[in-house]
């Protein structure tokens, strides 16, 4: 039944959006559920985890891929600045 349903959807133009860890984040097809601090600069604004699959019909987005996105690690400058002021 599952394969028949997938085949019926594909025949109407519905397809899964391909997404894997390491892909660059694209706000037009991805929805960032959360961010994760990364130490490697190459991983900033890249997908670190895929939470849910996304789908489109022909070129139109039905449901975006839900992902976790890497962000640059925050420095601990704020604590140092507040201690210097005191």
PDB file of N, CA and C in Angstrom:
ATOM      1  N   UNK A   1       0.833  -1.185   0.000  1.00  0.00           N
ATOM      2  CA  UNK A   1       0.000   0.000   0.000  1.00  0.00           C
ATOM      3  C   UNK A   1       0.883   1.256   0.000  1.00  0.00           C
ATOM      4  N   UNK A   2       1.955   1.221   0.811  1.00  0.00           N
ATOM      5  CA  UNK A   2       2.850   2.374   0.889  1.00  0.00           C
ATOM      6  C   UNK A   2       3.477   2.673  -0.474  1.00  0.00           C
ATOM      7  N   UNK A   3       4.000   1.635  -1.128  1.00  0.00           N
ATOM      8  CA  UNK A   3       4.627   1.835  -2.448  1.00  0.00           C
ATOM      9  C   UNK A   3       3.633   2.340  -3.482  1.00  0.00           C
ATOM     10  N   UNK A   4       2.396   1.880  -3.400  1.00  0.00           N
ATOM     11  CA  UNK A   4       1.366   2.355  -4.326  1.00  0.00           C
ATOM     12  C   UNK A   4       1.064   3.836  -4.088  1.00  0.00           C
ATOM     13  N   UNK A   5       1.018   4.231  -2.837  1.00  0.00           N
ATOM     14  CA  UNK A   5       0.762   5.637  -2.502  1.00  0.00           C
ATOM     15  C   UNK A   5       1.905   6.517  -2.997  1.00  0.00           C
ATOM     16  N   UNK A   6       3.140   6.095  -2.772  1.00  0.00           N
ATOM     17  CA  UNK A   6       4.301   6.857  -3.239  1.00  0.00           C
ATOM     18  C   UNK A   6       4.291   6.953  -4.763  1.00  0.00           C
ATOM     19  N   UNK A   7       3.990   5.856  -5.437  1.00  0.00           N
ATOM     20  CA  UNK A   7       3.934   5.858  -6.895  1.00  0.00           C
ATOM     21  C   UNK A   7       2.846   6.798  -7.405  1.00  0.00           C
ATOM     22  N   UNK A   8       1.696   6.817  -6.739  1.00  0.00           N
ATOM     23  CA  UNK A   8       0.608   7.702  -7.146  1.00  0.00           C
ATOM     24  C   UNK A   8       1.005   9.169  -6.972  1.00  0.00           C
ATOM     25  N   UNK A   9       1.653   9.489  -5.866  1.00  0.00           N
ATOM     26  CA  UNK A   9       2.104  10.863  -5.635  1.00  0.00           C
ATOM     27  C   UNK A   9       3.176  11.279  -6.647  1.00  0.00           C
ATOM     28  N   UNK A  10       4.120  10.379  -6.930  1.00  0.00           N
ATOM     29  CA  UNK A  10       5.166  10.686  -7.901  1.00  0.00           C
ATOM     30  C   UNK A  10       4.589  10.883  -9.298  1.00  0.00           C
ATOM     31  N   UNK A  11       3.553  10.140  -9.645  1.00  0.00           N
ATOM     32  CA  UNK A  11       2.945  10.300 -10.966  1.00  0.00           C
ATOM     33  C   UNK A  11       2.261  11.662 -11.113  1.00  0.00           C
ATOM     34  N   UNK A  12       1.882  12.267  -9.984  1.00  0.00           N
ATOM     35  CA  UNK A  12       1.264  13.597 -10.001  1.00  0.00           C
ATOM     36  C   UNK A  12       2.288  14.718  -9.872  1.00  0.00           C
ATOM     37  N   UNK A  13       3.573  14.374  -9.751  1.00  0.00           N
ATOM     38  CA  UNK A  13       4.622  15.384  -9.693  1.00  0.00           C
ATOM     39  C   UNK A  13       5.140  15.695  -8.313  1.00  0.00           C
ATOM     40  N   UNK A  14       4.709  14.947  -7.289  1.00  0.00           N
ATOM     41  CA  UNK A  14       5.199  15.165  -5.933  1.00  0.00           C
ATOM     42  C   UNK A  14       6.532  14.441  -5.777  1.00  0.00           C
ATOM     43  N   UNK A  15       7.534  15.135  -5.228  1.00  0.00           N
ATOM     44  CA  UNK A  15       8.834  14.509  -5.023  1.00  0.00           C
ATOM     45  C   UNK A  15       9.432  14.972  -3.702  1.00  0.00           C
ATOM     46  N   UNK A  16      10.312  14.134  -3.157  1.00  0.00           N
ATOM     47  CA  UNK A  16      11.004  14.453  -1.919  1.00  0.00           C
ATOM     48  C   UNK A  16      12.174  15.384  -2.241  1.00  0.00           C
ATOM     49  N   UNK A  17      12.408  16.365  -1.385  1.00  0.00           N
ATOM     50  CA  UNK A  17      13.539  17.275  -1.556  1.00  0.00           C
ATOM     51  C   UNK A  17      14.772  16.583  -0.990  1.00  0.00           C
ATOM     52  N   UNK A  18      15.799  16.434  -1.819  1.00  0.00           N
ATOM     53  CA  UNK A  18      17.014  15.769  -1.348  1.00  0.00           C
ATOM     54  C   UNK A  18      17.794  16.719  -0.446  1.00  0.00           C
ATOM     55  N   UNK A  19      18.200  16.206   0.701  1.00  0.00           N
ATOM     56  CA  UNK A  19      18.912  17.010   1.684  1.00  0.00           C
ATOM     57  C   UNK A  19      19.764  16.073   2.523  1.00  0.00           C
ATOM     58  N   UNK A  20      21.024  16.452   2.736  1.00  0.00           N
ATOM     59  CA  UNK A  20      21.887  15.634   3.574  1.00  0.00           C
ATOM     60  C   UNK A  20      22.766  16.524   4.443  1.00  0.00           C
ATOM     61  N   UNK A  21      23.353  15.942   5.449  1.00  0.00           N
ATOM     62  CA  UNK A  21      24.229  16.681   6.355  1.00  0.00           C
ATOM     63  C   UNK A  21      25.412  17.216   5.564  1.00  0.00           C
ATOM     64  N   UNK A  22      25.727  18.486   5.786  1.00  0.00           N
ATOM     65  CA  UNK A  22      26.830  19.133   5.089  1.00  0.00           C
ATOM     66  C   UNK A  22      26.375  20.029   3.951  1.00  0.00           C
ATOM     67  N   UNK A  23      25.105  19.917   3.539  1.00  0.00           N
ATOM     68  CA  UNK A  23      24.581  20.797   2.498  1.00  0.00           C
ATOM     69  C   UNK A  23      24.483  22.224   3.036  1.00  0.00           C
ATOM     70  N   UNK A  24      24.587  23.181   2.154  1.00  0.00           N
ATOM     71  CA  UNK A  24      24.445  24.585   2.531  1.00  0.00           C
ATOM     72  C   UNK A  24      22.973  24.877   2.828  1.00  0.00           C
ATOM     73  N   UNK A  25      22.710  25.684   3.869  1.00  0.00           N
ATOM     74  CA  UNK A  25      21.347  26.044   4.241  1.00  0.00           C
ATOM     75  C   UNK A  25      20.763  26.981   3.197  1.00  0.00           C
ATOM     76  N   UNK A  26      19.564  26.667   2.709  1.00  0.00           N
ATOM     77  CA  UNK A  26      18.847  27.483   1.727  1.00  0.00           C
ATOM     78  C   UNK A  26      17.461  27.758   2.282  1.00  0.00           C
ATOM     79  N   UNK A  27      17.193  29.016   2.633  1.00  0.00           N
ATOM     80  CA  UNK A  27      15.926  29.353   3.282  1.00  0.00           C
ATOM     81  C   UNK A  27      14.708  29.121   2.395  1.00  0.00           C
ATOM     82  N   UNK A  28      14.913  28.947   1.090  1.00  0.00           N
ATOM     83  CA  UNK A  28      13.762  28.726   0.209  1.00  0.00           C
ATOM     84  C   UNK A  28      13.224  27.297   0.284  1.00  0.00           C
ATOM     85  N   UNK A  29      14.054  26.341   0.716  1.00  0.00           N
ATOM     86  CA  UNK A  29      13.596  24.950   0.807  1.00  0.00           C
ATOM     87  C   UNK A  29      13.816  24.339   2.181  1.00  0.00           C
ATOM     88  N   UNK A  30      14.553  25.031   3.066  1.00  0.00           N
ATOM     89  CA  UNK A  30      14.833  24.516   4.402  1.00  0.00           C
ATOM     90  C   UNK A  30      14.173  25.393   5.463  1.00  0.00           C
ATOM     91  N   UNK A  31      13.780  24.776   6.561  1.00  0.00           N
ATOM     92  CA  UNK A  31      13.277  25.493   7.735  1.00  0.00           C
ATOM     93  C   UNK A  31      14.177  25.110   8.907  1.00  0.00           C
ATOM     94  N   UNK A  32      14.854  26.102   9.489  1.00  0.00           N
ATOM     95  CA  UNK A  32      15.770  25.844  10.589  1.00  0.00           C
ATOM     96  C   UNK A  32      14.982  25.684  11.887  1.00  0.00           C
ATOM     97  N   UNK A  33      15.036  24.507  12.466  1.00  0.00           N
ATOM     98  CA  UNK A  33      14.359  24.247  13.734  1.00  0.00           C
ATOM     99  C   UNK A  33      15.178  24.814  14.882  1.00  0.00           C
ATOM    100  N   UNK A  34      16.507  24.688  14.783  1.00  0.00           N
ATOM    101  CA  UNK A  34      17.405  25.220  15.806  1.00  0.00           C
ATOM    102  C   UNK A  34      18.793  25.398  15.208  1.00  0.00           C
ATOM    103  N   UNK A  35      19.679  26.005  15.997  1.00  0.00           N
ATOM    104  CA  UNK A  35      21.064  26.161  15.570  1.00  0.00           C
ATOM    105  C   UNK A  35      21.966  25.391  16.516  1.00  0.00           C
ATOM    106  N   UNK A  36      23.131  25.033  16.013  1.00  0.00           N
ATOM    107  CA  UNK A  36      24.094  24.282  16.804  1.00  0.00           C
ATOM    108  C   UNK A  36      25.446  24.947  16.625  1.00  0.00           C
ATOM    109  N   UNK A  37      26.127  25.249  17.739  1.00  0.00           N
ATOM    110  CA  UNK A  37      27.438  25.876  17.646  1.00  0.00           C
ATOM    111  C   UNK A  37      28.444  24.873  17.104  1.00  0.00           C
ATOM    112  N   UNK A  38      29.264  25.330  16.139  1.00  0.00           N
ATOM    113  CA  UNK A  38      30.291  24.484  15.542  1.00  0.00           C
ATOM    114  C   UNK A  38      31.630  25.196  15.649  1.00  0.00           C
ATOM    115  N   UNK A  39      32.696  24.438  15.787  1.00  0.00           N
ATOM    116  CA  UNK A  39      34.026  25.023  15.906  1.00  0.00           C
ATOM    117  C   UNK A  39      34.678  25.215  14.543  1.00  0.00           C
ATOM    118  N   UNK A  40      34.314  24.394  13.566  1.00  0.00           N
ATOM    119  CA  UNK A  40      34.885  24.483  12.222  1.00  0.00           C
ATOM    120  C   UNK A  40      34.149  25.553  11.419  1.00  0.00           C
ATOM    121  N   UNK A  41      34.882  26.525  10.897  1.00  0.00           N
ATOM    122  CA  UNK A  41      34.278  27.614  10.117  1.00  0.00           C
ATOM    123  C   UNK A  41      33.598  27.107   8.850  1.00  0.00           C
ATOM    124  N   UNK A  42      34.044  25.970   8.320  1.00  0.00           N
ATOM    125  CA  UNK A  42      33.443  25.431   7.099  1.00  0.00           C
ATOM    126  C   UNK A  42      32.018  24.927   7.342  1.00  0.00           C
ATOM    127  N   UNK A  43      31.662  24.658   8.594  1.00  0.00           N
ATOM    128  CA  UNK A  43      30.337  24.136   8.917  1.00  0.00           C
ATOM    129  C   UNK A  43      29.323  25.221   9.258  1.00  0.00           C
ATOM    130  N   UNK A  44      29.751  26.484   9.267  1.00  0.00           N
ATOM    131  CA  UNK A  44      28.833  27.586   9.546  1.00  0.00           C
ATOM    132  C   UNK A  44      27.855  27.704   8.379  1.00  0.00           C
ATOM    133  N   UNK A  45      26.574  27.849   8.675  1.00  0.00           N
ATOM    134  CA  UNK A  45      25.484  27.928   7.693  1.00  0.00           C
ATOM    135  C   UNK A  45      25.329  26.655   6.867  1.00  0.00           C
ATOM    136  N   UNK A  46      25.732  25.533   7.438  1.00  0.00           N
ATOM    137  CA  UNK A  46      25.492  24.246   6.784  1.00  0.00           C
ATOM    138  C   UNK A  46      24.581  23.404   7.667  1.00  0.00           C
ATOM    139  N   UNK A  47      23.991  22.396   7.079  1.00  0.00           N
ATOM    140  CA  UNK A  47      23.051  21.527   7.781  1.00  0.00           C
ATOM    141  C   UNK A  47      23.836  20.512   8.607  1.00  0.00           C
ATOM    142  N   UNK A  48      23.546  20.462   9.917  1.00  0.00           N
ATOM    143  CA  UNK A  48      24.211  19.507  10.797  1.00  0.00           C
ATOM    144  C   UNK A  48      23.324  18.319  11.144  1.00  0.00           C
ATOM    145  N   UNK A  49      22.005  18.473  10.938  1.00  0.00           N
ATOM    146  CA  UNK A  49      21.075  17.376  11.212  1.00  0.00           C
ATOM    147  C   UNK A  49      19.787  17.604  10.432  1.00  0.00           C
ATOM    148  N   UNK A  50      19.248  16.545   9.853  1.00  0.00           N
ATOM    149  CA  UNK A  50      17.953  16.606   9.167  1.00  0.00           C
ATOM    150  C   UNK A  50      16.911  16.029  10.114  1.00  0.00           C
ATOM    151  N   UNK A  51      15.889  16.832  10.433  1.00  0.00           N
ATOM    152  CA  UNK A  51      14.865  16.397  11.375  1.00  0.00           C
ATOM    153  C   UNK A  51      13.675  15.770  10.652  1.00  0.00           C
ATOM    154  N   UNK A  52      13.152  16.464   9.616  1.00  0.00           N
ATOM    155  CA  UNK A  52      12.012  15.950   8.841  1.00  0.00           C
ATOM    156  C   UNK A  52      12.247  16.180   7.355  1.00  0.00           C
ATOM    157  N   UNK A  53      11.739  15.262   6.559  1.00  0.00           N
ATOM    158  CA  UNK A  53      11.848  15.380   5.101  1.00  0.00           C
ATOM    159  C   UNK A  53      10.944  16.486   4.589  1.00  0.00           C
ATOM    160  N   UNK A  54      11.276  17.002   3.412  1.00  0.00           N
ATOM    161  CA  UNK A  54      10.455  18.010   2.775  1.00  0.00           C
ATOM    162  C   UNK A  54      10.007  17.531   1.407  1.00  0.00           C
ATOM    163  N   UNK A  55       8.950  18.161   0.875  1.00  0.00           N
ATOM    164  CA  UNK A  55       8.375  17.726  -0.398  1.00  0.00           C
ATOM    165  C   UNK A  55       8.009  18.915  -1.265  1.00  0.00           C
ATOM    166  N   UNK A  56       8.018  18.687  -2.567  1.00  0.00           N
ATOM    167  CA  UNK A  56       7.575  19.705  -3.517  1.00  0.00           C
ATOM    168  C   UNK A  56       6.748  19.046  -4.599  1.00  0.00           C
ATOM    169  N   UNK A  57       5.900  19.835  -5.238  1.00  0.00           N
ATOM    170  CA  UNK A  57       5.121  19.363  -6.372  1.00  0.00           C
ATOM    171  C   UNK A  57       5.585  20.195  -7.564  1.00  0.00           C
ATOM    172  N   UNK A  58       6.172  19.524  -8.520  1.00  0.00           N
ATOM    173  CA  UNK A  58       6.839  20.163  -9.656  1.00  0.00           C
ATOM    174  C   UNK A  58       7.887  21.122  -9.095  1.00  0.00           C
ATOM    175  N   UNK A  59       7.769  22.422  -9.265  1.00  0.00           N
ATOM    176  CA  UNK A  59       8.743  23.369  -8.718  1.00  0.00           C
ATOM    177  C   UNK A  59       8.209  24.121  -7.511  1.00  0.00           C
ATOM    178  N   UNK A  60       7.070  23.723  -7.012  1.00  0.00           N
ATOM    179  CA  UNK A  60       6.410  24.426  -5.919  1.00  0.00           C
ATOM    180  C   UNK A  60       6.618  23.689  -4.594  1.00  0.00           C
ATOM    181  N   UNK A  61       6.985  24.428  -3.555  1.00  0.00           N
ATOM    182  CA  UNK A  61       7.250  23.843  -2.245  1.00  0.00           C
ATOM    183  C   UNK A  61       5.948  23.492  -1.529  1.00  0.00           C
ATOM    184  N   UNK A  62       5.851  22.250  -1.054  1.00  0.00           N
ATOM    185  CA  UNK A  62       4.703  21.821  -0.256  1.00  0.00           C
ATOM    186  C   UNK A  62       5.055  21.910   1.221  1.00  0.00           C
ATOM    187  N   UNK A  63       6.194  21.309   1.579  1.00  0.00           N
ATOM    188  CA  UNK A  63       6.649  21.268   2.966  1.00  0.00           C
ATOM    189  C   UNK A  63       8.168  21.386   2.966  1.00  0.00           C
ATOM    190  N   UNK A  64       8.728  22.381   3.684  1.00  0.00           N
ATOM    191  CA  UNK A  64      10.193  22.519   3.698  1.00  0.00           C
ATOM    192  C   UNK A  64      10.857  21.423   4.525  1.00  0.00           C
ATOM    193  N   UNK A  65      12.127  21.185   4.238  1.00  0.00           N
ATOM    194  CA  UNK A  65      12.915  20.236   5.017  1.00  0.00           C
ATOM    195  C   UNK A  65      13.238  20.905   6.351  1.00  0.00           C
ATOM    196  N   UNK A  66      12.960  20.240   7.456  1.00  0.00           N
ATOM    197  CA  UNK A  66      13.250  20.783   8.780  1.00  0.00           C
ATOM    198  C   UNK A  66      14.650  20.329   9.189  1.00  0.00           C
ATOM    199  N   UNK A  67      15.528  21.294   9.509  1.00  0.00           N
ATOM    200  CA  UNK A  67      16.929  20.987   9.753  1.00  0.00           C
ATOM    201  C   UNK A  67      17.477  21.729  10.972  1.00  0.00           C
ATOM    202  N   UNK A  68      18.670  21.305  11.402  1.00  0.00           N
ATOM    203  CA  UNK A  68      19.465  22.019  12.393  1.00  0.00           C
ATOM    204  C   UNK A  68      20.642  22.617  11.631  1.00  0.00           C
ATOM    205  N   UNK A  69      20.938  23.902  11.888  1.00  0.00           N
ATOM    206  CA  UNK A  69      21.961  24.622  11.137  1.00  0.00           C
ATOM    207  C   UNK A  69      23.122  24.978  12.057  1.00  0.00           C
ATOM    208  N   UNK A  70      24.344  24.854  11.540  1.00  0.00           N
ATOM    209  CA  UNK A  70      25.536  25.218  12.304  1.00  0.00           C
ATOM    210  C   UNK A  70      25.721  26.717  12.342  1.00  0.00           C
ATOM    211  N   UNK A  71      26.193  27.215  13.495  1.00  0.00           N
ATOM    212  CA  UNK A  71      26.508  28.643  13.628  1.00  0.00           C
ATOM    213  C   UNK A  71      27.862  28.770  14.297  1.00  0.00           C
ATOM    214  N   UNK A  72      28.490  29.929  14.132  1.00  0.00           N
ATOM    215  CA  UNK A  72      29.813  30.157  14.699  1.00  0.00           C
ATOM    216  C   UNK A  72      29.734  30.139  16.221  1.00  0.00           C
ATOM    217  N   UNK A  73      30.757  29.599  16.833  1.00  0.00           N
ATOM    218  CA  UNK A  73      30.799  29.517  18.297  1.00  0.00           C
ATOM    219  C   UNK A  73      30.976  30.921  18.865  1.00  0.00           C
ATOM    220  N   UNK A  74      30.163  31.251  19.877  1.00  0.00           N
ATOM    221  CA  UNK A  74      30.218  32.565  20.510  1.00  0.00           C
ATOM    222  C   UNK A  74      31.429  32.644  21.427  1.00  0.00           C
ATOM    223  N   UNK A  75      32.109  33.771  21.355  1.00  0.00           N
ATOM    224  CA  UNK A  75      33.241  34.010  22.243  1.00  0.00           C
ATOM    225  C   UNK A  75      32.729  34.435  23.608  1.00  0.00           C
ATOM    226  N   UNK A  76      33.526  34.291  24.612  1.00  0.00           N
ATOM    227  CA  UNK A  76      33.132  34.637  25.978  1.00  0.00           C
ATOM    228  C   UNK A  76      33.615  36.055  26.290  1.00  0.00           C
ATOM    229  N   UNK A  77      33.410  36.977  25.365  1.00  0.00           N
ATOM    230  CA  UNK A  77      33.824  38.365  25.544  1.00  0.00           C
ATOM    231  C   UNK A  77      32.873  39.118  26.456  1.00  0.00           C
ATOM    232  N   UNK A  78      31.611  38.756  26.444  1.00  0.00           N
ATOM    233  CA  UNK A  78      30.614  39.470  27.236  1.00  0.00           C
ATOM    234  C   UNK A  78      30.927  39.359  28.721  1.00  0.00           C
ATOM    235  N   UNK A  79      31.337  38.205  29.197  1.00  0.00           N
ATOM    236  CA  UNK A  79      31.671  38.029  30.614  1.00  0.00           C
ATOM    237  C   UNK A  79      32.902  38.846  30.982  1.00  0.00           C
ATOM    238  N   UNK A  80      33.916  38.871  30.106  1.00  0.00           N
ATOM    239  CA  UNK A  80      35.132  39.625  30.364  1.00  0.00           C
ATOM    240  C   UNK A  80      34.839  41.122  30.420  1.00  0.00           C
ATOM    241  N   UNK A  81      33.999  41.623  29.542  1.00  0.00           N
ATOM    242  CA  UNK A  81      33.676  43.044  29.520  1.00  0.00           C
ATOM    243  C   UNK A  81      32.918  43.456  30.772  1.00  0.00           C
ATOM    244  N   UNK A  82      32.016  42.634  31.250  1.00  0.00           N
ATOM    245  CA  UNK A  82      31.255  42.977  32.442  1.00  0.00           C
ATOM    246  C   UNK A  82      32.141  42.943  33.683  1.00  0.00           C
ATOM    247  N   UNK A  83      33.151  42.077  33.719  1.00  0.00           N
ATOM    248  CA  UNK A  83      34.057  42.030  34.849  1.00  0.00           C
ATOM    249  C   UNK A  83      34.989  43.222  34.860  1.00  0.00           C
ATOM    250  N   UNK A  84      35.403  43.715  33.695  1.00  0.00           N
ATOM    251  CA  UNK A  84      36.268  44.878  33.607  1.00  0.00           C
ATOM    252  C   UNK A  84      35.561  46.138  34.056  1.00  0.00           C
ATOM    253  N   UNK A  85      34.275  46.252  33.803  1.00  0.00           N
ATOM    254  CA  UNK A  85      33.518  47.433  34.168  1.00  0.00           C
ATOM    255  C   UNK A  85      33.289  47.514  35.671  1.00  0.00           C
ATOM    256  N   UNK A  86      33.262  46.378  36.351  1.00  0.00           N
ATOM    257  CA  UNK A  86      32.973  46.361  37.795  1.00  0.00           C
ATOM    258  C   UNK A  86      34.124  46.789  38.643  1.00  0.00           C
TER     259      UNK A  86
END
